[in-house]
Amino acid sequence: MAAQHWAAGKDWKTGVFEVWPEHWETVEVFMATVSQWRVVAGLGSLTYLGLDYQALPAVLKLMGIKKKNHQRIFWGLQEMERAARPLLNATKETKPARRKK
């Protein structure tokens, strides 16, 4: 849900959504990697392919994530990536409308 919240262009820090405690660390890592998407430029659009996993070891280290948690976080990141990718790649016609403030 956090991935969908972010991909829809909402501020994930001020938005309200539930994250189970055992998933919070994964959400934090996902948000720390939001600038690490591999993209392909097309005719007037970008296609988001997926996260650049080469950046992940540095992110995990800088965030102080224990090595024993790396695999669990990686699987969670992949799940969030799968949720975010269709939203990021949606055309203007298919993207959910943003609420005006």
N, C-alpha and C. Protein backbone atom coordinates (compact mmCIF):
# COMPACT_ATOMS: atom_id res chain seq x y z
N MET A 1 0.82 -1.19 0.00
CA MET A 1 0.00 0.00 0.00
C MET A 1 0.87 1.26 0.00
N ALA A 2 1.97 1.24 0.72
CA ALA A 2 2.86 2.40 0.72
C ALA A 2 3.40 2.65 -0.68
N ALA A 3 3.71 1.56 -1.39
CA ALA A 3 4.21 1.71 -2.77
C ALA A 3 3.15 2.34 -3.65
N GLN A 4 1.91 1.92 -3.49
CA GLN A 4 0.82 2.50 -4.28
C GLN A 4 0.62 3.96 -3.91
N HIS A 5 0.73 4.27 -2.63
CA HIS A 5 0.58 5.64 -2.15
C HIS A 5 1.64 6.53 -2.79
N TRP A 6 2.89 6.05 -2.78
CA TRP A 6 3.99 6.81 -3.37
C TRP A 6 3.83 6.93 -4.87
N ALA A 7 3.51 5.83 -5.54
CA ALA A 7 3.41 5.83 -7.00
C ALA A 7 2.28 6.72 -7.49
N ALA A 8 1.27 6.90 -6.67
CA ALA A 8 0.16 7.76 -7.05
C ALA A 8 0.50 9.23 -6.85
N GLY A 9 1.72 9.52 -6.40
CA GLY A 9 2.17 10.90 -6.25
C GLY A 9 1.80 11.53 -4.93
N LYS A 10 1.44 10.71 -3.96
CA LYS A 10 1.06 11.24 -2.65
C LYS A 10 2.28 11.29 -1.75
N ASP A 11 2.26 12.20 -0.80
CA ASP A 11 3.36 12.31 0.15
C ASP A 11 3.22 11.18 1.16
N TRP A 12 4.11 10.22 1.07
CA TRP A 12 4.00 9.04 1.93
C TRP A 12 4.24 9.36 3.39
N LYS A 13 4.94 10.45 3.70
CA LYS A 13 5.22 10.77 5.09
C LYS A 13 4.01 11.38 5.79
N THR A 14 3.16 12.07 5.04
CA THR A 14 2.00 12.70 5.66
C THR A 14 0.71 11.96 5.35
N GLY A 15 0.76 11.04 4.40
CA GLY A 15 -0.42 10.26 4.06
C GLY A 15 -0.74 9.28 5.18
N VAL A 16 -1.96 8.83 5.20
CA VAL A 16 -2.37 7.89 6.22
C VAL A 16 -2.55 6.52 5.57
N PHE A 17 -1.77 5.58 6.00
CA PHE A 17 -1.91 4.21 5.56
C PHE A 17 -1.30 3.32 6.62
N GLU A 18 -1.77 2.10 6.69
CA GLU A 18 -1.32 1.19 7.73
C GLU A 18 -0.14 0.36 7.23
N VAL A 19 0.87 0.26 8.06
CA VAL A 19 2.01 -0.62 7.79
C VAL A 19 2.21 -1.48 9.04
N TRP A 20 2.18 -2.76 8.86
CA TRP A 20 2.43 -3.64 9.99
C TRP A 20 3.87 -3.45 10.46
N PRO A 21 4.10 -3.52 11.77
CA PRO A 21 5.44 -3.27 12.31
C PRO A 21 6.54 -4.12 11.65
N GLU A 22 6.23 -5.36 11.33
CA GLU A 22 7.25 -6.24 10.73
C GLU A 22 7.61 -5.84 9.30
N HIS A 23 6.82 -4.93 8.70
CA HIS A 23 7.09 -4.47 7.33
C HIS A 23 7.66 -3.05 7.28
N TRP A 24 7.70 -2.38 8.41
CA TRP A 24 8.09 -0.97 8.40
C TRP A 24 9.51 -0.76 7.87
N GLU A 25 10.43 -1.61 8.25
CA GLU A 25 11.82 -1.49 7.80
C GLU A 25 11.89 -1.59 6.27
N THR A 26 11.10 -2.49 5.69
CA THR A 26 11.07 -2.64 4.23
C THR A 26 10.52 -1.38 3.58
N VAL A 27 9.49 -0.80 4.15
CA VAL A 27 8.92 0.44 3.61
C VAL A 27 9.97 1.55 3.65
N GLU A 28 10.70 1.65 4.74
CA GLU A 28 11.74 2.68 4.84
C GLU A 28 12.82 2.49 3.77
N VAL A 29 13.22 1.25 3.53
CA VAL A 29 14.23 0.98 2.49
C VAL A 29 13.65 1.31 1.12
N PHE A 30 12.40 0.95 0.87
CA PHE A 30 11.77 1.28 -0.41
C PHE A 30 11.77 2.79 -0.63
N MET A 31 11.41 3.54 0.38
CA MET A 31 11.35 4.99 0.24
C MET A 31 12.76 5.58 0.07
N ALA A 32 13.76 4.92 0.61
CA ALA A 32 15.14 5.39 0.44
C ALA A 32 15.67 5.10 -0.96
N THR A 33 14.98 4.22 -1.69
CA THR A 33 15.43 3.86 -3.04
C THR A 33 14.54 4.45 -4.13
N VAL A 34 13.67 5.39 -3.79
CA VAL A 34 12.72 5.90 -4.79
C VAL A 34 13.40 6.58 -5.97
N SER A 35 14.64 7.00 -5.80
CA SER A 35 15.34 7.63 -6.93
C SER A 35 16.19 6.62 -7.69
N GLN A 36 16.03 5.35 -7.39
CA GLN A 36 16.87 4.31 -7.98
C GLN A 36 16.13 3.43 -8.98
N TRP A 37 15.09 3.97 -9.61
CA TRP A 37 14.36 3.19 -10.62
C TRP A 37 15.11 3.21 -11.94
N ARG A 38 15.13 2.07 -12.60
CA ARG A 38 15.64 2.00 -13.98
C ARG A 38 14.48 2.38 -14.89
N VAL A 39 14.73 3.34 -15.77
CA VAL A 39 13.68 3.81 -16.67
C VAL A 39 14.19 3.81 -18.10
N VAL A 40 13.24 3.72 -19.02
CA VAL A 40 13.53 3.84 -20.45
C VAL A 40 12.71 5.01 -20.96
N ALA A 41 13.36 5.93 -21.65
CA ALA A 41 12.66 7.08 -22.21
C ALA A 41 12.06 6.69 -23.56
N GLY A 42 10.78 6.97 -23.69
CA GLY A 42 10.08 6.72 -24.95
C GLY A 42 9.66 8.02 -25.59
N LEU A 43 8.69 7.94 -26.45
CA LEU A 43 8.17 9.13 -27.11
C LEU A 43 7.29 9.91 -26.14
N GLY A 44 7.88 10.82 -25.43
CA GLY A 44 7.13 11.67 -24.51
C GLY A 44 6.76 11.01 -23.20
N SER A 45 7.36 9.88 -22.90
CA SER A 45 7.02 9.22 -21.63
C SER A 45 8.21 8.41 -21.13
N LEU A 46 8.11 8.03 -19.88
CA LEU A 46 9.10 7.16 -19.27
C LEU A 46 8.44 5.83 -18.96
N THR A 47 9.18 4.76 -19.11
CA THR A 47 8.70 3.44 -18.70
C THR A 47 9.59 2.99 -17.55
N TYR A 48 8.96 2.74 -16.43
CA TYR A 48 9.68 2.28 -15.24
C TYR A 48 9.83 0.77 -15.32
N LEU A 49 11.08 0.31 -15.33
CA LEU A 49 11.36 -1.12 -15.46
C LEU A 49 11.44 -1.82 -14.11
N GLY A 50 12.06 -1.18 -13.14
CA GLY A 50 12.23 -1.77 -11.83
C GLY A 50 13.32 -1.04 -11.07
N LEU A 51 13.49 -1.42 -9.83
CA LEU A 51 14.52 -0.80 -9.01
C LEU A 51 15.90 -1.27 -9.45
N ASP A 52 16.88 -0.40 -9.31
CA ASP A 52 18.26 -0.74 -9.60
C ASP A 52 18.85 -1.38 -8.34
N TYR A 53 18.95 -2.69 -8.36
CA TYR A 53 19.39 -3.42 -7.17
C TYR A 53 20.86 -3.20 -6.85
N GLN A 54 21.62 -2.64 -7.76
CA GLN A 54 23.02 -2.36 -7.46
C GLN A 54 23.16 -1.33 -6.35
N ALA A 55 22.16 -0.48 -6.20
CA ALA A 55 22.20 0.54 -5.15
C ALA A 55 21.80 -0.02 -3.79
N LEU A 56 21.16 -1.17 -3.78
CA LEU A 56 20.59 -1.71 -2.54
C LEU A 56 21.62 -1.99 -1.44
N PRO A 57 22.76 -2.61 -1.71
CA PRO A 57 23.71 -2.85 -0.62
C PRO A 57 24.15 -1.57 0.09
N ALA A 58 24.38 -0.51 -0.67
CA ALA A 58 24.77 0.77 -0.05
C ALA A 58 23.65 1.34 0.79
N VAL A 59 22.42 1.24 0.31
CA VAL A 59 21.27 1.75 1.06
C VAL A 59 21.12 0.98 2.37
N LEU A 60 21.17 -0.34 2.28
CA LEU A 60 21.04 -1.16 3.49
C LEU A 60 22.14 -0.84 4.50
N LYS A 61 23.35 -0.67 4.02
CA LYS A 61 24.47 -0.36 4.92
C LYS A 61 24.30 1.01 5.56
N LEU A 62 23.98 2.02 4.76
CA LEU A 62 23.82 3.38 5.28
C LEU A 62 22.66 3.49 6.26
N MET A 63 21.64 2.65 6.07
CA MET A 63 20.50 2.68 6.97
C MET A 63 20.73 1.84 8.22
N GLY A 64 21.84 1.13 8.26
CA GLY A 64 22.15 0.32 9.43
C GLY A 64 21.29 -0.93 9.56
N ILE A 65 20.83 -1.46 8.44
CA ILE A 65 19.99 -2.65 8.46
C ILE A 65 20.86 -3.88 8.74
N LYS A 66 20.45 -4.68 9.70
CA LYS A 66 21.21 -5.88 10.06
C LYS A 66 21.23 -6.86 8.88
N LYS A 67 22.38 -7.49 8.69
CA LYS A 67 22.56 -8.41 7.56
C LYS A 67 21.53 -9.54 7.58
N LYS A 68 21.16 -10.00 8.77
CA LYS A 68 20.21 -11.11 8.86
C LYS A 68 18.83 -10.72 8.31
N ASN A 69 18.56 -9.41 8.18
CA ASN A 69 17.27 -8.94 7.66
C ASN A 69 17.30 -8.63 6.16
N HIS A 70 18.45 -8.69 5.54
CA HIS A 70 18.57 -8.29 4.13
C HIS A 70 17.67 -9.10 3.21
N GLN A 71 17.65 -10.41 3.35
CA GLN A 71 16.84 -11.23 2.45
C GLN A 71 15.35 -10.92 2.60
N ARG A 72 14.89 -10.81 3.83
CA ARG A 72 13.48 -10.51 4.08
C ARG A 72 13.11 -9.17 3.46
N ILE A 73 13.97 -8.18 3.63
CA ILE A 73 13.70 -6.85 3.07
C ILE A 73 13.73 -6.90 1.55
N PHE A 74 14.64 -7.66 0.98
CA PHE A 74 14.72 -7.78 -0.48
C PHE A 74 13.42 -8.33 -1.04
N TRP A 75 12.90 -9.40 -0.43
CA TRP A 75 11.64 -9.97 -0.93
C TRP A 75 10.50 -8.96 -0.78
N GLY A 76 10.48 -8.22 0.30
CA GLY A 76 9.46 -7.20 0.48
C GLY A 76 9.58 -6.07 -0.53
N LEU A 77 10.83 -5.68 -0.83
CA LEU A 77 11.06 -4.65 -1.84
C LEU A 77 10.53 -5.08 -3.20
N GLN A 78 10.76 -6.34 -3.54
CA GLN A 78 10.26 -6.83 -4.82
C GLN A 78 8.74 -6.78 -4.88
N GLU A 79 8.11 -7.09 -3.77
CA GLU A 79 6.64 -7.03 -3.72
C GLU A 79 6.16 -5.59 -3.89
N MET A 80 6.82 -4.65 -3.23
CA MET A 80 6.44 -3.24 -3.36
C MET A 80 6.71 -2.74 -4.78
N GLU A 81 7.79 -3.18 -5.35
CA GLU A 81 8.14 -2.81 -6.73
C GLU A 81 7.04 -3.29 -7.69
N ARG A 82 6.58 -4.54 -7.50
CA ARG A 82 5.50 -5.07 -8.36
C ARG A 82 4.22 -4.27 -8.20
N ALA A 83 3.97 -3.75 -7.01
CA ALA A 83 2.76 -2.95 -6.79
C ALA A 83 2.90 -1.56 -7.39
N ALA A 84 4.10 -0.99 -7.33
CA ALA A 84 4.30 0.38 -7.80
C ALA A 84 4.44 0.48 -9.32
N ARG A 85 5.06 -0.52 -9.95
CA ARG A 85 5.37 -0.43 -11.38
C ARG A 85 4.15 -0.16 -12.26
N PRO A 86 3.04 -0.88 -12.11
CA PRO A 86 1.88 -0.58 -12.97
C PRO A 86 1.33 0.83 -12.76
N LEU A 87 1.41 1.32 -11.54
CA LEU A 87 0.93 2.68 -11.27
C LEU A 87 1.85 3.71 -11.89
N LEU A 88 3.14 3.48 -11.79
CA LEU A 88 4.10 4.41 -12.39
C LEU A 88 4.00 4.41 -13.91
N ASN A 89 3.66 3.27 -14.48
CA ASN A 89 3.60 3.15 -15.93
C ASN A 89 2.21 3.40 -16.51
N ALA A 90 1.26 3.70 -15.66
CA ALA A 90 -0.09 3.96 -16.15
C ALA A 90 -0.09 5.24 -16.99
N THR A 91 -0.90 5.23 -18.02
CA THR A 91 -1.03 6.44 -18.84
C THR A 91 -1.86 7.46 -18.08
N LYS A 92 -1.84 8.67 -18.56
CA LYS A 92 -2.59 9.74 -17.89
C LYS A 92 -4.07 9.36 -17.76
N GLU A 93 -4.59 8.67 -18.76
CA GLU A 93 -6.00 8.29 -18.75
C GLU A 93 -6.31 7.22 -17.71
N THR A 94 -5.33 6.40 -17.38
CA THR A 94 -5.60 5.30 -16.46
C THR A 94 -5.10 5.55 -15.04
N LYS A 95 -4.34 6.63 -14.83
CA LYS A 95 -3.85 6.93 -13.48
C LYS A 95 -5.00 7.37 -12.60
N PRO A 96 -4.96 6.99 -11.32
CA PRO A 96 -5.98 7.48 -10.40
C PRO A 96 -5.86 9.00 -10.25
N ALA A 97 -6.99 9.65 -10.17
CA ALA A 97 -6.99 11.11 -10.04
C ALA A 97 -6.45 11.51 -8.67
N ARG A 98 -5.66 12.57 -8.66
CA ARG A 98 -5.16 13.10 -7.39
C ARG A 98 -6.23 14.00 -6.78
N ARG A 99 -6.31 13.91 -5.47
CA ARG A 99 -7.24 14.80 -4.79
C ARG A 99 -6.60 16.15 -4.62
N LYS A 100 -7.37 17.19 -4.86
CA LYS A 100 -6.85 18.55 -4.68
C LYS A 100 -6.95 18.92 -3.22
N LYS A 101 -5.96 19.69 -2.79
CA LYS A 101 -5.94 20.12 -1.38
C LYS A 101 -6.83 21.31 -1.19
